[in-house]
Amino acid sequence: GDPQKRQTTVECIRRVMADRPTTPIFGICLGHQLMSLAAGCKTYKMKFGNRGMNQPCVDLRSGRCYITSQNHGFAVDDTCLPEGWKALFTNANDGSNEGIAH
């Protein structure tokens, strides 16, 4: 579903990020999108979404490609990452963001 419709959860994540800035937080799929919104990013609805097995994701640190399974219709807009954040993984098929890091 649309992660922007989960504002209560986004606010809780934002509070945890502010109260415990050194605590690692890991989000997968919707969790990644909610964490990104809490950090100040934006999300958008994808035309087709990324669905199924064998979705290639590139680790932008090493250039290594990992094969993943995915099922999401929304993505994080990594063109407007807040200061201190960077894209970590990108989908090799469509270039959509698959992970961020602080």
C-alpha atoms as a PDB file:
ATOM      1  CA  GLY A   1       0.000   0.000   0.000  1.00  0.00           C
ATOM      2  CA  ASP A   2       0.786   3.676  -0.017  1.00  0.00           C
ATOM      3  CA  PRO A   3       3.368   4.375   2.722  1.00  0.00           C
ATOM      4  CA  GLN A   4       2.260   8.030   2.922  1.00  0.00           C
ATOM      5  CA  LYS A   5      -1.044   6.835   4.417  1.00  0.00           C
ATOM      6  CA  ARG A   6       0.793   5.502   7.474  1.00  0.00           C
ATOM      7  CA  GLN A   7       1.634   8.849   9.094  1.00  0.00           C
ATOM      8  CA  THR A   8       1.206   7.591  12.669  1.00  0.00           C
ATOM      9  CA  THR A   9       3.865   4.936  12.063  1.00  0.00           C
ATOM     10  CA  VAL A  10       6.115   7.432  10.268  1.00  0.00           C
ATOM     11  CA  GLU A  11       5.880   9.787  13.271  1.00  0.00           C
ATOM     12  CA  CYS A  12       6.803   6.952  15.674  1.00  0.00           C
ATOM     13  CA  ILE A  13       9.850   6.069  13.554  1.00  0.00           C
ATOM     14  CA  ARG A  14      10.803   9.756  13.337  1.00  0.00           C
ATOM     15  CA  ARG A  15      10.669  10.026  17.161  1.00  0.00           C
ATOM     16  CA  VAL A  16      12.856   6.940  17.605  1.00  0.00           C
ATOM     17  CA  MET A  17      15.351   8.291  15.061  1.00  0.00           C
ATOM     18  CA  ALA A  18      15.507  11.615  16.938  1.00  0.00           C
ATOM     19  CA  ASP A  19      15.631  10.110  20.450  1.00  0.00           C
ATOM     20  CA  ARG A  20      18.216   7.431  19.580  1.00  0.00           C
ATOM     21  CA  PRO A  21      20.325   8.773  16.706  1.00  0.00           C
ATOM     22  CA  THR A  22      23.028   6.113  17.096  1.00  0.00           C
ATOM     23  CA  THR A  23      20.649   3.128  17.149  1.00  0.00           C
ATOM     24  CA  PRO A  24      20.651   1.278  13.812  1.00  0.00           C
ATOM     25  CA  ILE A  25      17.248   0.867  12.169  1.00  0.00           C
ATOM     26  CA  PHE A  26      16.743  -1.617   9.350  1.00  0.00           C
ATOM     27  CA  GLY A  27      13.667  -1.560   7.125  1.00  0.00           C
ATOM     28  CA  ILE A  28      12.661  -4.019   4.423  1.00  0.00           C
ATOM     29  CA  CYS A  29      10.133  -3.127   1.691  1.00  0.00           C
ATOM     30  CA  LEU A  30       7.383  -1.096   3.411  1.00  0.00           C
ATOM     31  CA  GLY A  31       9.689  -0.643   6.411  1.00  0.00           C
ATOM     32  CA  HIS A  32      12.308   0.933   4.118  1.00  0.00           C
ATOM     33  CA  GLN A  33       9.678   3.278   2.686  1.00  0.00           C
ATOM     34  CA  LEU A  34       8.363   4.266   6.131  1.00  0.00           C
ATOM     35  CA  MET A  35      11.887   4.847   7.453  1.00  0.00           C
ATOM     36  CA  SER A  36      12.660   6.954   4.383  1.00  0.00           C
ATOM     37  CA  LEU A  37       9.561   9.099   4.942  1.00  0.00           C
ATOM     38  CA  ALA A  38      10.544   9.531   8.603  1.00  0.00           C
ATOM     39  CA  ALA A  39      13.970  10.731   7.466  1.00  0.00           C
ATOM     40  CA  GLY A  40      12.358  13.342   5.201  1.00  0.00           C
ATOM     41  CA  CYS A  41      12.343  11.561   1.837  1.00  0.00           C
ATOM     42  CA  LYS A  42       9.410  11.323  -0.553  1.00  0.00           C
ATOM     43  CA  THR A  43       7.801   8.257  -2.096  1.00  0.00           C
ATOM     44  CA  TYR A  44       5.954   7.781  -5.369  1.00  0.00           C
ATOM     45  CA  LYS A  45       3.684   5.219  -6.994  1.00  0.00           C
ATOM     46  CA  MET A  46       5.499   3.143  -9.584  1.00  0.00           C
ATOM     47  CA  LYS A  47       3.910   2.502 -12.983  1.00  0.00           C
ATOM     48  CA  PHE A  48       4.146  -1.289 -12.672  1.00  0.00           C
ATOM     49  CA  GLY A  49       5.954  -1.906  -9.394  1.00  0.00           C
ATOM     50  CA  ASN A  50       8.658  -4.457  -8.739  1.00  0.00           C
ATOM     51  CA  ARG A  51       7.083  -7.851  -8.357  1.00  0.00           C
ATOM     52  CA  GLY A  52       8.459 -11.363  -8.276  1.00  0.00           C
ATOM     53  CA  MET A  53      11.733 -13.168  -7.851  1.00  0.00           C
ATOM     54  CA  ASN A  54      15.004 -12.429  -9.599  1.00  0.00           C
ATOM     55  CA  GLN A  55      14.950  -8.641  -9.197  1.00  0.00           C
ATOM     56  CA  PRO A  56      18.540  -7.378  -9.567  1.00  0.00           C
ATOM     57  CA  CYS A  57      19.684  -4.800  -6.988  1.00  0.00           C
ATOM     58  CA  VAL A  58      23.052  -3.076  -7.189  1.00  0.00           C
ATOM     59  CA  ASP A  59      25.007  -2.225  -4.038  1.00  0.00           C
ATOM     60  CA  LEU A  60      26.201   1.303  -4.833  1.00  0.00           C
ATOM     61  CA  ARG A  61      29.207   0.932  -2.499  1.00  0.00           C
ATOM     62  CA  SER A  62      30.737  -2.037  -4.288  1.00  0.00           C
ATOM     63  CA  GLY A  63      28.890  -2.295  -7.606  1.00  0.00           C
ATOM     64  CA  ARG A  64      27.955  -5.868  -6.755  1.00  0.00           C
ATOM     65  CA  CYS A  65      24.543  -7.029  -7.945  1.00  0.00           C
ATOM     66  CA  TYR A  66      22.274  -9.118  -5.712  1.00  0.00           C
ATOM     67  CA  ILE A  67      19.239 -11.074  -6.877  1.00  0.00           C
ATOM     68  CA  THR A  68      16.228 -10.354  -4.647  1.00  0.00           C
ATOM     69  CA  SER A  69      12.527 -11.091  -4.457  1.00  0.00           C
ATOM     70  CA  GLN A  70      10.238  -8.052  -4.299  1.00  0.00           C
ATOM     71  CA  ASN A  71       6.575  -7.124  -4.172  1.00  0.00           C
ATOM     72  CA  HIS A  72       6.056  -3.372  -3.951  1.00  0.00           C
ATOM     73  CA  GLY A  73       4.255  -0.718  -5.966  1.00  0.00           C
ATOM     74  CA  PHE A  74       5.805   2.363  -4.333  1.00  0.00           C
ATOM     75  CA  ALA A  75       9.409   3.557  -4.279  1.00  0.00           C
ATOM     76  CA  VAL A  76      11.572   6.108  -2.476  1.00  0.00           C
ATOM     77  CA  ASP A  77      12.553   9.181  -4.486  1.00  0.00           C
ATOM     78  CA  ASP A  78      16.297   9.295  -3.919  1.00  0.00           C
ATOM     79  CA  THR A  79      16.711  12.579  -5.825  1.00  0.00           C
ATOM     80  CA  CYS A  80      15.628  14.483  -2.701  1.00  0.00           C
ATOM     81  CA  LEU A  81      17.466  12.664   0.089  1.00  0.00           C
ATOM     82  CA  PRO A  82      17.988  14.828   3.188  1.00  0.00           C
ATOM     83  CA  GLU A  83      21.496  15.929   4.116  1.00  0.00           C
ATOM     84  CA  GLY A  84      23.524  13.078   5.557  1.00  0.00           C
ATOM     85  CA  TRP A  85      21.571  10.366   3.729  1.00  0.00           C
ATOM     86  CA  LYS A  86      22.663   8.479   0.615  1.00  0.00           C
ATOM     87  CA  ALA A  87      21.281   5.869  -1.755  1.00  0.00           C
ATOM     88  CA  LEU A  88      22.599   2.404  -0.889  1.00  0.00           C
ATOM     89  CA  PHE A  89      20.860   0.024  -3.336  1.00  0.00           C
ATOM     90  CA  THR A  90      19.295   0.597  -6.751  1.00  0.00           C
ATOM     91  CA  ASN A  91      17.113  -1.734  -8.828  1.00  0.00           C
ATOM     92  CA  ALA A  92      19.110  -2.591 -11.962  1.00  0.00           C
ATOM     93  CA  ASN A  93      15.961  -2.996 -14.091  1.00  0.00           C
ATOM     94  CA  ASP A  94      14.292   0.369 -13.561  1.00  0.00           C
ATOM     95  CA  GLY A  95      16.759   2.431 -11.489  1.00  0.00           C
ATOM     96  CA  SER A  96      14.381   2.771  -8.536  1.00  0.00           C
ATOM     97  CA  ASN A  97      15.810   3.118  -5.036  1.00  0.00           C
ATOM     98  CA  GLU A  98      15.947  -0.078  -2.977  1.00  0.00           C
ATOM     99  CA  GLY A  99      17.833   1.175   0.084  1.00  0.00           C
ATOM    100  CA  ILE A 100      19.226   4.248   1.834  1.00  0.00           C
ATOM    101  CA  ALA A 101      21.799   4.773   4.592  1.00  0.00           C
ATOM    102  CA  HIS A 102      22.704   7.538   7.029  1.00  0.00           C
END
